[in-house]
N, C-alpha and C. Protein backbone atom coordinates (compact mmCIF):
# COMPACT_ATOMS: atom_id res chain seq x y z
N MET A 1 8.37 -2.28 -8.81
CA MET A 1 8.88 -3.57 -8.39
C MET A 1 9.18 -4.41 -9.62
N LYS A 2 10.19 -5.21 -9.50
CA LYS A 2 10.59 -6.05 -10.62
C LYS A 2 9.96 -7.43 -10.56
N ASN A 3 9.53 -7.84 -9.39
CA ASN A 3 8.98 -9.17 -9.20
C ASN A 3 7.48 -9.06 -8.90
N LYS A 4 6.64 -9.59 -9.78
CA LYS A 4 5.18 -9.49 -9.60
C LYS A 4 4.70 -10.27 -8.39
N ILE A 5 5.29 -11.42 -8.13
CA ILE A 5 4.85 -12.24 -6.99
C ILE A 5 5.15 -11.53 -5.67
N TYR A 6 6.29 -10.86 -5.59
CA TYR A 6 6.63 -10.10 -4.39
C TYR A 6 5.61 -8.98 -4.18
N PHE A 7 5.24 -8.29 -5.24
CA PHE A 7 4.24 -7.22 -5.15
C PHE A 7 2.90 -7.76 -4.70
N ILE A 8 2.44 -8.85 -5.30
CA ILE A 8 1.14 -9.43 -4.94
C ILE A 8 1.16 -9.90 -3.49
N THR A 9 2.25 -10.45 -3.04
CA THR A 9 2.36 -10.89 -1.65
C THR A 9 2.25 -9.71 -0.70
N LEU A 10 2.97 -8.63 -0.98
CA LEU A 10 2.91 -7.45 -0.11
C LEU A 10 1.51 -6.83 -0.08
N VAL A 11 0.87 -6.75 -1.23
CA VAL A 11 -0.48 -6.19 -1.29
C VAL A 11 -1.46 -7.08 -0.53
N SER A 12 -1.32 -8.39 -0.65
CA SER A 12 -2.20 -9.31 0.06
C SER A 12 -2.04 -9.19 1.56
N ILE A 13 -0.81 -9.07 2.02
CA ILE A 13 -0.57 -8.89 3.46
C ILE A 13 -1.19 -7.59 3.94
N GLY A 14 -1.02 -6.52 3.18
CA GLY A 14 -1.58 -5.23 3.57
C GLY A 14 -3.10 -5.24 3.63
N THR A 15 -3.74 -5.85 2.66
CA THR A 15 -5.21 -5.88 2.67
C THR A 15 -5.76 -6.86 3.70
N PHE A 16 -4.97 -7.84 4.08
CA PHE A 16 -5.41 -8.79 5.11
C PHE A 16 -5.61 -8.08 6.45
N PHE A 17 -4.81 -7.05 6.73
CA PHE A 17 -4.90 -6.35 8.01
C PHE A 17 -5.81 -5.13 7.98
N ALA A 18 -6.28 -4.72 6.83
CA ALA A 18 -7.08 -3.50 6.73
C ALA A 18 -8.43 -3.63 7.43
N GLY A 19 -9.13 -4.72 7.25
CA GLY A 19 -10.44 -4.91 7.88
C GLY A 19 -10.37 -4.98 9.39
N PRO A 20 -9.51 -5.82 9.96
CA PRO A 20 -9.41 -5.87 11.42
C PRO A 20 -8.97 -4.54 12.05
N LEU A 21 -8.17 -3.76 11.34
CA LEU A 21 -7.76 -2.46 11.88
C LEU A 21 -8.95 -1.53 12.02
N GLN A 22 -9.84 -1.56 11.04
CA GLN A 22 -11.00 -0.68 11.10
C GLN A 22 -11.93 -1.08 12.25
N SER A 23 -12.20 -2.36 12.41
CA SER A 23 -13.09 -2.78 13.49
C SER A 23 -12.45 -2.58 14.85
N ALA A 24 -11.13 -2.76 14.95
CA ALA A 24 -10.45 -2.54 16.23
C ALA A 24 -10.46 -1.06 16.59
N SER A 25 -10.33 -0.19 15.61
CA SER A 25 -10.33 1.24 15.90
C SER A 25 -11.69 1.69 16.41
N ARG A 26 -12.75 1.12 15.89
CA ARG A 26 -14.09 1.50 16.37
C ARG A 26 -14.31 1.04 17.81
N SER A 27 -13.87 -0.15 18.15
CA SER A 27 -14.06 -0.62 19.52
C SER A 27 -13.20 0.16 20.50
N ILE A 28 -12.00 0.55 20.10
CA ILE A 28 -11.16 1.37 20.97
C ILE A 28 -11.80 2.75 21.16
N MET A 29 -12.34 3.31 20.08
CA MET A 29 -13.00 4.62 20.19
C MET A 29 -14.18 4.56 21.15
N SER A 30 -14.97 3.50 21.08
CA SER A 30 -16.13 3.41 21.97
C SER A 30 -15.70 3.21 23.42
N ASN A 31 -14.56 2.59 23.67
CA ASN A 31 -14.07 2.43 25.03
C ASN A 31 -13.43 3.70 25.59
N LEU A 32 -12.86 4.53 24.72
CA LEU A 32 -12.19 5.74 25.18
C LEU A 32 -13.15 6.90 25.45
N MET A 33 -14.30 6.92 24.80
CA MET A 33 -15.21 8.05 24.92
C MET A 33 -16.29 7.79 25.96
N PRO A 34 -16.72 8.85 26.65
CA PRO A 34 -17.89 8.70 27.52
C PRO A 34 -19.13 8.37 26.68
N HIS A 35 -20.05 7.63 27.28
CA HIS A 35 -21.22 7.15 26.55
C HIS A 35 -22.05 8.30 25.97
N GLU A 36 -22.17 9.40 26.72
CA GLU A 36 -23.04 10.49 26.28
C GLU A 36 -22.45 11.32 25.13
N SER A 37 -21.16 11.21 24.87
CA SER A 37 -20.57 11.99 23.78
C SER A 37 -20.02 11.11 22.66
N GLN A 38 -20.51 9.90 22.55
CA GLN A 38 -20.01 9.01 21.50
C GLN A 38 -20.44 9.45 20.11
N GLY A 39 -21.58 10.09 19.99
CA GLY A 39 -22.02 10.58 18.68
C GLY A 39 -21.07 11.61 18.12
N ILE A 40 -20.65 12.55 18.96
CA ILE A 40 -19.69 13.57 18.54
C ILE A 40 -18.35 12.94 18.24
N GLY A 41 -17.92 12.02 19.09
CA GLY A 41 -16.63 11.37 18.90
C GLY A 41 -16.56 10.58 17.61
N PHE A 42 -17.61 9.81 17.32
CA PHE A 42 -17.61 9.04 16.07
C PHE A 42 -17.76 9.93 14.84
N GLY A 43 -18.43 11.07 15.00
CA GLY A 43 -18.51 12.04 13.90
C GLY A 43 -17.14 12.60 13.58
N LEU A 44 -16.38 12.98 14.62
CA LEU A 44 -15.02 13.47 14.41
C LEU A 44 -14.11 12.37 13.87
N PHE A 45 -14.31 11.16 14.35
CA PHE A 45 -13.54 10.01 13.88
C PHE A 45 -13.75 9.79 12.38
N THR A 46 -15.00 9.85 11.95
CA THR A 46 -15.33 9.67 10.54
C THR A 46 -14.79 10.83 9.69
N ALA A 47 -14.95 12.05 10.19
CA ALA A 47 -14.46 13.22 9.44
C ALA A 47 -12.94 13.16 9.29
N SER A 48 -12.24 12.79 10.37
CA SER A 48 -10.78 12.73 10.27
C SER A 48 -10.35 11.62 9.32
N GLY A 49 -11.09 10.52 9.27
CA GLY A 49 -10.79 9.44 8.33
C GLY A 49 -10.96 9.88 6.89
N LYS A 50 -12.03 10.64 6.64
CA LYS A 50 -12.26 11.14 5.27
C LYS A 50 -11.18 12.13 4.86
N ILE A 51 -10.78 13.01 5.79
CA ILE A 51 -9.78 14.01 5.47
C ILE A 51 -8.43 13.35 5.20
N THR A 52 -8.03 12.42 6.05
CA THR A 52 -6.73 11.79 5.86
C THR A 52 -6.73 10.87 4.65
N ALA A 53 -7.87 10.30 4.30
CA ALA A 53 -7.95 9.46 3.10
C ALA A 53 -7.79 10.29 1.84
N PHE A 54 -8.02 11.58 1.94
CA PHE A 54 -7.86 12.47 0.79
C PHE A 54 -6.48 13.14 0.79
N ILE A 55 -6.06 13.65 1.94
CA ILE A 55 -4.83 14.43 2.00
C ILE A 55 -3.58 13.56 1.84
N GLY A 56 -3.54 12.40 2.47
CA GLY A 56 -2.36 11.54 2.38
C GLY A 56 -2.02 11.15 0.95
N PRO A 57 -2.95 10.56 0.20
CA PRO A 57 -2.65 10.22 -1.19
C PRO A 57 -2.37 11.44 -2.07
N LEU A 58 -3.04 12.55 -1.79
CA LEU A 58 -2.80 13.76 -2.57
C LEU A 58 -1.36 14.26 -2.38
N LEU A 59 -0.91 14.33 -1.13
CA LEU A 59 0.46 14.78 -0.88
C LEU A 59 1.48 13.80 -1.44
N SER A 60 1.19 12.52 -1.33
CA SER A 60 2.08 11.51 -1.90
C SER A 60 2.15 11.65 -3.42
N ALA A 61 1.03 11.90 -4.06
CA ALA A 61 1.01 12.07 -5.52
C ALA A 61 1.76 13.33 -5.94
N ILE A 62 1.61 14.40 -5.17
CA ILE A 62 2.33 15.64 -5.50
C ILE A 62 3.83 15.43 -5.39
N LEU A 63 4.27 14.76 -4.31
CA LEU A 63 5.69 14.49 -4.15
C LEU A 63 6.21 13.57 -5.25
N THR A 64 5.40 12.58 -5.62
CA THR A 64 5.80 11.67 -6.69
C THR A 64 5.92 12.41 -8.01
N PHE A 65 4.99 13.30 -8.29
CA PHE A 65 4.99 14.03 -9.55
C PHE A 65 6.16 15.01 -9.65
N TYR A 66 6.39 15.74 -8.57
CA TYR A 66 7.41 16.78 -8.62
C TYR A 66 8.82 16.31 -8.28
N ILE A 67 8.95 15.26 -7.47
CA ILE A 67 10.29 14.83 -7.06
C ILE A 67 10.60 13.46 -7.64
N SER A 68 10.06 12.40 -7.03
CA SER A 68 10.27 11.05 -7.55
C SER A 68 9.30 10.09 -6.89
N GLN A 69 9.18 8.92 -7.48
CA GLN A 69 8.28 7.91 -6.93
C GLN A 69 8.78 7.41 -5.57
N ARG A 70 10.07 7.33 -5.40
CA ARG A 70 10.62 6.88 -4.11
C ARG A 70 10.29 7.86 -2.99
N VAL A 71 10.36 9.14 -3.28
CA VAL A 71 10.03 10.15 -2.27
C VAL A 71 8.55 10.07 -1.92
N GLY A 72 7.69 9.90 -2.92
CA GLY A 72 6.26 9.77 -2.67
C GLY A 72 5.94 8.56 -1.81
N TYR A 73 6.56 7.43 -2.12
CA TYR A 73 6.36 6.23 -1.31
C TYR A 73 6.95 6.40 0.08
N GLY A 74 8.10 7.04 0.16
CA GLY A 74 8.72 7.28 1.46
C GLY A 74 7.86 8.17 2.33
N PHE A 75 7.18 9.13 1.72
CA PHE A 75 6.27 9.99 2.47
C PHE A 75 5.12 9.18 3.06
N SER A 76 4.62 8.21 2.31
CA SER A 76 3.57 7.34 2.84
C SER A 76 4.07 6.56 4.04
N ALA A 77 5.31 6.10 3.98
CA ALA A 77 5.89 5.37 5.12
C ALA A 77 6.04 6.30 6.33
N VAL A 78 6.39 7.56 6.08
CA VAL A 78 6.51 8.53 7.17
C VAL A 78 5.15 8.76 7.82
N LEU A 79 4.09 8.87 7.02
CA LEU A 79 2.75 9.05 7.57
C LEU A 79 2.33 7.85 8.41
N LEU A 80 2.63 6.64 7.95
CA LEU A 80 2.29 5.45 8.73
C LEU A 80 3.07 5.42 10.04
N LEU A 81 4.33 5.79 10.00
CA LEU A 81 5.14 5.82 11.21
C LEU A 81 4.63 6.88 12.19
N LEU A 82 4.24 8.03 11.67
CA LEU A 82 3.66 9.07 12.51
C LEU A 82 2.37 8.59 13.17
N GLY A 83 1.54 7.88 12.43
CA GLY A 83 0.32 7.31 13.00
C GLY A 83 0.63 6.31 14.10
N LEU A 84 1.65 5.48 13.90
CA LEU A 84 2.04 4.52 14.92
C LEU A 84 2.51 5.22 16.19
N ILE A 85 3.30 6.27 16.03
CA ILE A 85 3.78 7.02 17.19
C ILE A 85 2.62 7.64 17.96
N LEU A 86 1.66 8.20 17.23
CA LEU A 86 0.49 8.78 17.90
C LEU A 86 -0.34 7.72 18.61
N LEU A 87 -0.48 6.54 18.00
CA LEU A 87 -1.26 5.48 18.62
C LEU A 87 -0.58 4.91 19.86
N LEU A 88 0.72 4.94 19.91
CA LEU A 88 1.42 4.44 21.08
C LEU A 88 1.17 5.30 22.31
N LYS A 89 0.75 6.54 22.12
CA LYS A 89 0.46 7.43 23.22
C LYS A 89 -0.96 7.28 23.77
N VAL A 90 -1.80 6.50 23.11
CA VAL A 90 -3.18 6.29 23.55
C VAL A 90 -3.19 5.30 24.71
N LYS A 91 -3.79 5.73 25.80
CA LYS A 91 -3.88 4.87 26.99
C LYS A 91 -5.23 4.17 27.02
N THR A 92 -5.21 2.84 27.03
CA THR A 92 -6.44 2.05 27.12
C THR A 92 -6.39 1.19 28.38
N GLU A 93 -7.56 0.77 28.79
CA GLU A 93 -7.64 -0.08 29.98
C GLU A 93 -7.38 -1.52 29.65
């Protein structure tokens, strides 16, 4: 980015929503799972979070290294869009 203020603004907006997303995801998970299997569900939820926190940046870094920074960033946008599409299919009460 050429403008530092634009970058700081975008980063601030992104971090502003990170905390509420995590707490909202936990409450949705507890509402979607039966009470007796919540331990297994939250274990899978945590494991999938750890895996995606590792694989997403790794794949983005590989694409950035071998192709270009724009492709690496674009891949991150594709992953976010894929997550949005998957979340739209979740039925809640």
